[in-house]
PDB file of all heavy atoms in Angstrom:
ATOM      1  N   ILE A   1     -29.465 -24.025 -53.646  1.00  0.00           N
ATOM      2  CA  ILE A   1     -28.743 -22.815 -53.262  1.00  0.00           C
ATOM      3  C   ILE A   1     -27.346 -22.863 -53.853  1.00  0.00           C
ATOM      4  O   ILE A   1     -26.603 -23.826 -53.662  1.00  0.00           O
ATOM      5  CB  ILE A   1     -28.664 -22.687 -51.731  1.00  0.00           C
ATOM      6  CG1 ILE A   1     -30.067 -22.545 -51.156  1.00  0.00           C
ATOM      7  CG2 ILE A   1     -27.778 -21.512 -51.323  1.00  0.00           C
ATOM      8  CD1 ILE A   1     -30.128 -22.666 -49.658  1.00  0.00           C
ATOM      9  N   ASP A   2     -26.992 -21.828 -54.586  1.00  0.00           N
ATOM     10  CA  ASP A   2     -25.663 -21.712 -55.173  1.00  0.00           C
ATOM     11  C   ASP A   2     -24.702 -21.210 -54.093  1.00  0.00           C
ATOM     12  O   ASP A   2     -25.076 -20.380 -53.260  1.00  0.00           O
ATOM     13  CB  ASP A   2     -25.705 -20.731 -56.344  1.00  0.00           C
ATOM     14  CG  ASP A   2     -24.389 -20.686 -57.089  1.00  0.00           C
ATOM     15  OD1 ASP A   2     -24.185 -21.525 -57.989  1.00  0.00           O
ATOM     16  OD2 ASP A   2     -23.562 -19.809 -56.750  1.00  0.00           O
ATOM     17  N   LYS A   3     -23.463 -21.702 -54.097  1.00  0.00           N
ATOM     18  CA  LYS A   3     -22.495 -21.303 -53.067  1.00  0.00           C
ATOM     19  C   LYS A   3     -22.265 -19.795 -53.035  1.00  0.00           C
ATOM     20  O   LYS A   3     -22.004 -19.218 -51.988  1.00  0.00           O
ATOM     21  CB  LYS A   3     -21.172 -22.039 -53.259  1.00  0.00           C
ATOM     22  CG  LYS A   3     -21.247 -23.482 -52.830  1.00  0.00           C
ATOM     23  CD  LYS A   3     -19.899 -24.150 -52.864  1.00  0.00           C
ATOM     24  CE  LYS A   3     -20.036 -25.593 -52.427  1.00  0.00           C
ATOM     25  NZ  LYS A   3     -18.760 -26.283 -52.344  1.00  0.00           N
ATOM     26  N   SER A   4     -22.395 -19.126 -54.190  1.00  0.00           N
ATOM     27  CA  SER A   4     -22.193 -17.676 -54.207  1.00  0.00           C
ATOM     28  C   SER A   4     -23.282 -16.956 -53.408  1.00  0.00           C
ATOM     29  O   SER A   4     -23.054 -15.868 -52.882  1.00  0.00           O
ATOM     30  CB  SER A   4     -22.158 -17.153 -55.643  1.00  0.00           C
ATOM     31  OG  SER A   4     -23.415 -17.327 -56.263  1.00  0.00           O
ATOM     32  N   GLU A   5     -24.466 -17.549 -53.303  1.00  0.00           N
ATOM     33  CA  GLU A   5     -25.557 -16.961 -52.528  1.00  0.00           C
ATOM     34  C   GLU A   5     -25.300 -17.063 -51.019  1.00  0.00           C
ATOM     35  O   GLU A   5     -25.972 -16.403 -50.238  1.00  0.00           O
ATOM     36  CB  GLU A   5     -26.881 -17.659 -52.839  1.00  0.00           C
ATOM     37  CG  GLU A   5     -27.355 -17.465 -54.267  1.00  0.00           C
ATOM     38  CD  GLU A   5     -28.601 -18.276 -54.539  1.00  0.00           C
ATOM     39  OE1 GLU A   5     -28.459 -19.474 -54.871  1.00  0.00           O
ATOM     40  OE2 GLU A   5     -29.696 -17.703 -54.405  1.00  0.00           O
ATOM     41  N   ALA A   6     -24.348 -17.882 -50.630  1.00  0.00           N
ATOM     42  CA  ALA A   6     -24.063 -18.096 -49.222  1.00  0.00           C
ATOM     43  C   ALA A   6     -23.059 -17.079 -48.665  1.00  0.00           C
ATOM     44  O   ALA A   6     -22.829 -17.038 -47.471  1.00  0.00           O
ATOM     45  CB  ALA A   6     -23.535 -19.519 -49.010  1.00  0.00           C
ATOM     46  N   ARG A   7     -22.496 -16.246 -49.540  1.00  0.00           N
ATOM     47  CA  ARG A   7     -21.535 -15.234 -49.078  1.00  0.00           C
ATOM     48  C   ARG A   7     -22.273 -14.179 -48.247  1.00  0.00           C
ATOM     49  O   ARG A   7     -23.306 -13.658 -48.638  1.00  0.00           O
ATOM     50  CB  ARG A   7     -20.841 -14.572 -50.251  1.00  0.00           C
ATOM     51  CG  ARG A   7     -19.788 -13.598 -49.818  1.00  0.00           C
ATOM     52  CD  ARG A   7     -19.073 -12.969 -50.982  1.00  0.00           C
ATOM     53  NE  ARG A   7     -17.971 -12.175 -50.464  1.00  0.00           N
ATOM     54  CZ  ARG A   7     -16.850 -11.967 -51.098  1.00  0.00           C
ATOM     55  NH1 ARG A   7     -16.658 -12.483 -52.294  1.00  0.00           N
ATOM     56  NH2 ARG A   7     -15.909 -11.233 -50.560  1.00  0.00           N
ATOM     57  N   ILE A   8     -21.717 -13.844 -47.082  1.00  0.00           N
ATOM     58  CA  ILE A   8     -22.330 -12.869 -46.178  1.00  0.00           C
ATOM     59  C   ILE A   8     -22.149 -11.460 -46.729  1.00  0.00           C
ATOM     60  O   ILE A   8     -21.040 -11.059 -47.093  1.00  0.00           O
ATOM     61  CB  ILE A   8     -21.684 -12.935 -44.774  1.00  0.00           C
ATOM     62  CG1 ILE A   8     -21.865 -14.306 -44.141  1.00  0.00           C
ATOM     63  CG2 ILE A   8     -22.227 -11.826 -43.874  1.00  0.00           C
ATOM     64  CD1 ILE A   8     -23.241 -14.619 -43.682  1.00  0.00           C
ATOM     65  N   ASP A   9     -23.249 -10.732 -46.773  1.00  0.00           N
ATOM     66  CA  ASP A   9     -23.222  -9.307 -47.091  1.00  0.00           C
ATOM     67  C   ASP A   9     -23.398  -8.578 -45.763  1.00  0.00           C
ATOM     68  O   ASP A   9     -24.515  -8.469 -45.252  1.00  0.00           O
ATOM     69  CB  ASP A   9     -24.348  -8.955 -48.073  1.00  0.00           C
ATOM     70  CG  ASP A   9     -24.435  -7.477 -48.380  1.00  0.00           C
ATOM     71  OD1 ASP A   9     -23.686  -6.679 -47.771  1.00  0.00           O
ATOM     72  OD2 ASP A   9     -25.270  -7.103 -49.226  1.00  0.00           O
ATOM     73  N   TRP A  10     -22.313  -8.108 -45.201  1.00  0.00           N
ATOM     74  CA  TRP A  10     -22.334  -7.511 -43.870  1.00  0.00           C
ATOM     75  C   TRP A  10     -23.103  -6.205 -43.818  1.00  0.00           C
ATOM     76  O   TRP A  10     -23.403  -5.713 -42.724  1.00  0.00           O
ATOM     77  CB  TRP A  10     -20.908  -7.325 -43.346  1.00  0.00           C
ATOM     78  CG  TRP A  10     -20.216  -8.630 -43.118  1.00  0.00           C
ATOM     79  CD1 TRP A  10     -19.237  -9.186 -43.892  1.00  0.00           C
ATOM     80  CD2 TRP A  10     -20.459  -9.561 -42.061  1.00  0.00           C
ATOM     81  NE1 TRP A  10     -18.861 -10.407 -43.371  1.00  0.00           N
ATOM     82  CE2 TRP A  10     -19.591 -10.661 -42.254  1.00  0.00           C
ATOM     83  CE3 TRP A  10     -21.321  -9.573 -40.971  1.00  0.00           C
ATOM     84  CZ2 TRP A  10     -19.561 -11.755 -41.395  1.00  0.00           C
ATOM     85  CZ3 TRP A  10     -21.306 -10.662 -40.116  1.00  0.00           C
ATOM     86  CH2 TRP A  10     -20.430 -11.734 -40.324  1.00  0.00           C
ATOM     87  N   THR A  11     -23.451  -5.609 -44.971  1.00  0.00           N
ATOM     88  CA  THR A  11     -24.235  -4.374 -44.959  1.00  0.00           C
ATOM     89  C   THR A  11     -25.710  -4.644 -44.674  1.00  0.00           C
ATOM     90  O   THR A  11     -26.473  -3.718 -44.411  1.00  0.00           O
ATOM     91  CB  THR A  11     -24.112  -3.601 -46.286  1.00  0.00           C
ATOM     92  OG1 THR A  11     -24.674  -4.380 -47.347  1.00  0.00           O
ATOM     93  CG2 THR A  11     -22.658  -3.262 -46.590  1.00  0.00           C
ATOM     94  N   LYS A  12     -26.112  -5.901 -44.701  1.00  0.00           N
ATOM     95  CA  LYS A  12     -27.496  -6.251 -44.345  1.00  0.00           C
ATOM     96  C   LYS A  12     -27.676  -6.128 -42.833  1.00  0.00           C
ATOM     97  O   LYS A  12     -26.704  -6.052 -42.082  1.00  0.00           O
ATOM     98  CB  LYS A  12     -27.827  -7.674 -44.807  1.00  0.00           C
ATOM     99  CG  LYS A  12     -27.904  -7.800 -46.316  1.00  0.00           C
ATOM    100  CD  LYS A  12     -28.337  -9.173 -46.714  1.00  0.00           C
ATOM    101  CE  LYS A  12     -28.500  -9.251 -48.230  1.00  0.00           C
ATOM    102  NZ  LYS A  12     -28.953 -10.571 -48.651  1.00  0.00           N
ATOM    103  N   SER A  13     -28.920  -6.155 -42.398  1.00  0.00           N
ATOM    104  CA  SER A  13     -29.199  -6.050 -40.963  1.00  0.00           C
ATOM    105  C   SER A  13     -28.705  -7.296 -40.226  1.00  0.00           C
ATOM    106  O   SER A  13     -28.571  -8.373 -40.818  1.00  0.00           O
ATOM    107  CB  SER A  13     -30.698  -5.880 -40.722  1.00  0.00           C
ATOM    108  OG  SER A  13     -31.377  -7.100 -40.981  1.00  0.00           O
ATOM    109  N   ALA A  14     -28.469  -7.136 -38.936  1.00  0.00           N
ATOM    110  CA  ALA A  14     -28.032  -8.263 -38.109  1.00  0.00           C
ATOM    111  C   ALA A  14     -29.054  -9.398 -38.158  1.00  0.00           C
ATOM    112  O   ALA A  14     -28.675 -10.574 -38.174  1.00  0.00           O
ATOM    113  CB  ALA A  14     -27.792  -7.802 -36.674  1.00  0.00           C
ATOM    114  N   ILE A  15     -30.321  -9.062 -38.195  1.00  0.00           N
ATOM    115  CA  ILE A  15     -31.364 -10.101 -38.264  1.00  0.00           C
ATOM    116  C   ILE A  15     -31.209 -10.920 -39.533  1.00  0.00           C
ATOM    117  O   ILE A  15     -31.252 -12.156 -39.504  1.00  0.00           O
ATOM    118  CB  ILE A  15     -32.767  -9.471 -38.167  1.00  0.00           C
ATOM    119  CG1 ILE A  15     -32.997  -8.919 -36.760  1.00  0.00           C
ATOM    120  CG2 ILE A  15     -33.848 -10.476 -38.537  1.00  0.00           C
ATOM    121  CD1 ILE A  15     -34.257  -8.085 -36.607  1.00  0.00           C
ATOM    122  N   GLU A  16     -30.980 -10.256 -40.670  1.00  0.00           N
ATOM    123  CA  GLU A  16     -30.824 -10.973 -41.938  1.00  0.00           C
ATOM    124  C   GLU A  16     -29.561 -11.830 -41.952  1.00  0.00           C
ATOM    125  O   GLU A  16     -29.576 -12.970 -42.416  1.00  0.00           O
ATOM    126  CB  GLU A  16     -30.788  -9.982 -43.107  1.00  0.00           C
ATOM    127  CG  GLU A  16     -32.101  -9.289 -43.381  1.00  0.00           C
ATOM    128  CD  GLU A  16     -31.959  -8.213 -44.431  1.00  0.00           C
ATOM    129  OE1 GLU A  16     -31.378  -7.151 -44.116  1.00  0.00           O
ATOM    130  OE2 GLU A  16     -32.430  -8.441 -45.561  1.00  0.00           O
ATOM    131  N   VAL A  17     -28.464 -11.282 -41.460  1.00  0.00           N
ATOM    132  CA  VAL A  17     -27.196 -12.025 -41.436  1.00  0.00           C
ATOM    133  C   VAL A  17     -27.314 -13.234 -40.518  1.00  0.00           C
ATOM    134  O   VAL A  17     -26.906 -14.349 -40.879  1.00  0.00           O
ATOM    135  CB  VAL A  17     -26.022 -11.104 -41.019  1.00  0.00           C
ATOM    136  CG1 VAL A  17     -24.749 -11.911 -40.793  1.00  0.00           C
ATOM    137  CG2 VAL A  17     -25.788 -10.026 -42.075  1.00  0.00           C
ATOM    138  N   ASP A  18     -27.887 -13.040 -39.333  1.00  0.00           N
ATOM    139  CA  ASP A  18     -28.074 -14.148 -38.391  1.00  0.00           C
ATOM    140  C   ASP A  18     -28.914 -15.258 -39.023  1.00  0.00           C
ATOM    141  O   ASP A  18     -28.567 -16.438 -38.933  1.00  0.00           O
ATOM    142  CB  ASP A  18     -28.736 -13.621 -37.112  1.00  0.00           C
ATOM    143  CG  ASP A  18     -29.077 -14.710 -36.121  1.00  0.00           C
ATOM    144  OD1 ASP A  18     -28.167 -15.463 -35.727  1.00  0.00           O
ATOM    145  OD2 ASP A  18     -30.257 -14.808 -35.739  1.00  0.00           O
ATOM    146  N   ARG A  19     -29.993 -14.899 -39.665  1.00  0.00           N
ATOM    147  CA  ARG A  19     -30.859 -15.904 -40.300  1.00  0.00           C
ATOM    148  C   ARG A  19     -30.156 -16.602 -41.453  1.00  0.00           C
ATOM    149  O   ARG A  19     -30.345 -17.805 -41.666  1.00  0.00           O
ATOM    150  CB  ARG A  19     -32.157 -15.266 -40.766  1.00  0.00           C
ATOM    151  CG  ARG A  19     -33.055 -14.891 -39.602  1.00  0.00           C
ATOM    152  CD  ARG A  19     -34.311 -14.217 -40.057  1.00  0.00           C
ATOM    153  NE  ARG A  19     -35.146 -13.878 -38.902  1.00  0.00           N
ATOM    154  CZ  ARG A  19     -36.211 -13.111 -38.969  1.00  0.00           C
ATOM    155  NH1 ARG A  19     -36.590 -12.590 -40.130  1.00  0.00           N
ATOM    156  NH2 ARG A  19     -36.912 -12.847 -37.893  1.00  0.00           N
ATOM    157  N   GLN A  20     -29.344 -15.875 -42.205  1.00  0.00           N
ATOM    158  CA  GLN A  20     -28.597 -16.491 -43.299  1.00  0.00           C
ATOM    159  C   GLN A  20     -27.612 -17.527 -42.753  1.00  0.00           C
ATOM    160  O   GLN A  20     -27.531 -18.647 -43.265  1.00  0.00           O
ATOM    161  CB  GLN A  20     -27.849 -15.432 -44.105  1.00  0.00           C
ATOM    162  CG  GLN A  20     -27.049 -16.016 -45.267  1.00  0.00           C
ATOM    163  CD  GLN A  20     -26.277 -14.966 -46.039  1.00  0.00           C
ATOM    164  OE1 GLN A  20     -26.142 -13.817 -45.607  1.00  0.00           O
ATOM    165  NE2 GLN A  20     -25.764 -15.352 -47.187  1.00  0.00           N
ATOM    166  N   ILE A  21     -26.892 -17.160 -41.711  1.00  0.00           N
ATOM    167  CA  ILE A  21     -25.909 -18.079 -41.129  1.00  0.00           C
ATOM    168  C   ILE A  21     -26.601 -19.338 -40.610  1.00  0.00           C
ATOM    169  O   ILE A  21     -26.211 -20.460 -40.942  1.00  0.00           O
ATOM    170  CB  ILE A  21     -25.111 -17.385 -40.000  1.00  0.00           C
ATOM    171  CG1 ILE A  21     -24.216 -16.294 -40.589  1.00  0.00           C
ATOM    172  CG2 ILE A  21     -24.276 -18.406 -39.213  1.00  0.00           C
ATOM    173  CD1 ILE A  21     -23.600 -15.357 -39.556  1.00  0.00           C
ATOM    174  N   ARG A  22     -27.641 -19.166 -39.808  1.00  0.00           N
ATOM    175  CA  ARG A  22     -28.324 -20.327 -39.225  1.00  0.00           C
ATOM    176  C   ARG A  22     -29.074 -21.130 -40.285  1.00  0.00           C
ATOM    177  O   ARG A  22     -29.139 -22.352 -40.213  1.00  0.00           O
ATOM    178  CB  ARG A  22     -29.263 -19.881 -38.110  1.00  0.00           C
ATOM    179  CG  ARG A  22     -28.515 -19.343 -36.886  1.00  0.00           C
ATOM    180  CD  ARG A  22     -29.400 -18.921 -35.728  1.00  0.00           C
ATOM    181  NE  ARG A  22     -30.367 -17.893 -36.069  1.00  0.00           N
ATOM    182  CZ  ARG A  22     -31.687 -18.108 -36.191  1.00  0.00           C
ATOM    183  NH1 ARG A  22     -32.195 -19.289 -35.974  1.00  0.00           N
ATOM    184  NH2 ARG A  22     -32.497 -17.112 -36.511  1.00  0.00           N
ATOM    185  N   GLY A  23     -29.625 -20.446 -41.283  1.00  0.00           N
ATOM    186  CA  GLY A  23     -30.396 -21.127 -42.324  1.00  0.00           C
ATOM    187  C   GLY A  23     -29.541 -21.939 -43.284  1.00  0.00           C
ATOM    188  O   GLY A  23     -30.031 -22.866 -43.914  1.00  0.00           O
ATOM    189  N   LEU A  24     -28.264 -21.595 -43.399  1.00  0.00           N
ATOM    190  CA  LEU A  24     -27.375 -22.322 -44.312  1.00  0.00           C
ATOM    191  C   LEU A  24     -26.417 -23.254 -43.581  1.00  0.00           C
ATOM    192  O   LEU A  24     -25.483 -23.778 -44.180  1.00  0.00           O
ATOM    193  CB  LEU A  24     -26.583 -21.328 -45.177  1.00  0.00           C
ATOM    194  CG  LEU A  24     -27.412 -20.463 -46.111  1.00  0.00           C
ATOM    195  CD1 LEU A  24     -26.536 -19.458 -46.842  1.00  0.00           C
ATOM    196  CD2 LEU A  24     -28.192 -21.310 -47.098  1.00  0.00           C
ATOM    197  N   SER A  25     -26.650 -23.470 -42.298  1.00  0.00           N
ATOM    198  CA  SER A  25     -25.781 -24.343 -41.505  1.00  0.00           C
ATOM    199  C   SER A  25     -26.386 -25.726 -41.360  1.00  0.00           C
ATOM    200  O   SER A  25     -27.536 -25.847 -40.955  1.00  0.00           O
ATOM    201  CB  SER A  25     -25.570 -23.744 -40.116  1.00  0.00           C
ATOM    202  OG  SER A  25     -24.771 -24.593 -39.330  1.00  0.00           O
ATOM    203  N   PRO A  26     -25.696 -26.759 -41.717  1.00  0.00           N
ATOM    204  CA  PRO A  26     -24.279 -26.816 -42.017  1.00  0.00           C
ATOM    205  C   PRO A  26     -23.960 -26.721 -43.511  1.00  0.00           C
ATOM    206  O   PRO A  26     -22.805 -26.534 -43.881  1.00  0.00           O
ATOM    207  CB  PRO A  26     -23.873 -28.192 -41.502  1.00  0.00           C
ATOM    208  CG  PRO A  26     -25.064 -29.037 -41.765  1.00  0.00           C
ATOM    209  CD  PRO A  26     -26.249 -28.105 -41.520  1.00  0.00           C
ATOM    210  N   PHE A  27     -24.950 -26.866 -44.376  1.00  0.00           N
ATOM    211  CA  PHE A  27     -24.641 -26.878 -45.802  1.00  0.00           C
ATOM    212  C   PHE A  27     -25.551 -25.932 -46.553  1.00  0.00           C
ATOM    213  O   PHE A  27     -26.759 -25.927 -46.283  1.00  0.00           O
ATOM    214  CB  PHE A  27     -24.793 -28.310 -46.367  1.00  0.00           C
ATOM    215  CG  PHE A  27     -24.370 -28.412 -47.790  1.00  0.00           C
ATOM    216  CD1 PHE A  27     -23.037 -28.528 -48.115  1.00  0.00           C
ATOM    217  CD2 PHE A  27     -25.308 -28.343 -48.808  1.00  0.00           C
ATOM    218  CE1 PHE A  27     -22.634 -28.588 -49.436  1.00  0.00           C
ATOM    219  CE2 PHE A  27     -24.915 -28.407 -50.126  1.00  0.00           C
ATOM    220  CZ  PHE A  27     -23.569 -28.539 -50.444  1.00  0.00           C
TER     221      PHE A  27
END
């Protein structure tokens, strides 16, 4: 995973953002 892919796109749905945050935690 490239660090640029980890940037949050807030226009996505809450479900997608939540999964992105939890899926990329901690690294």
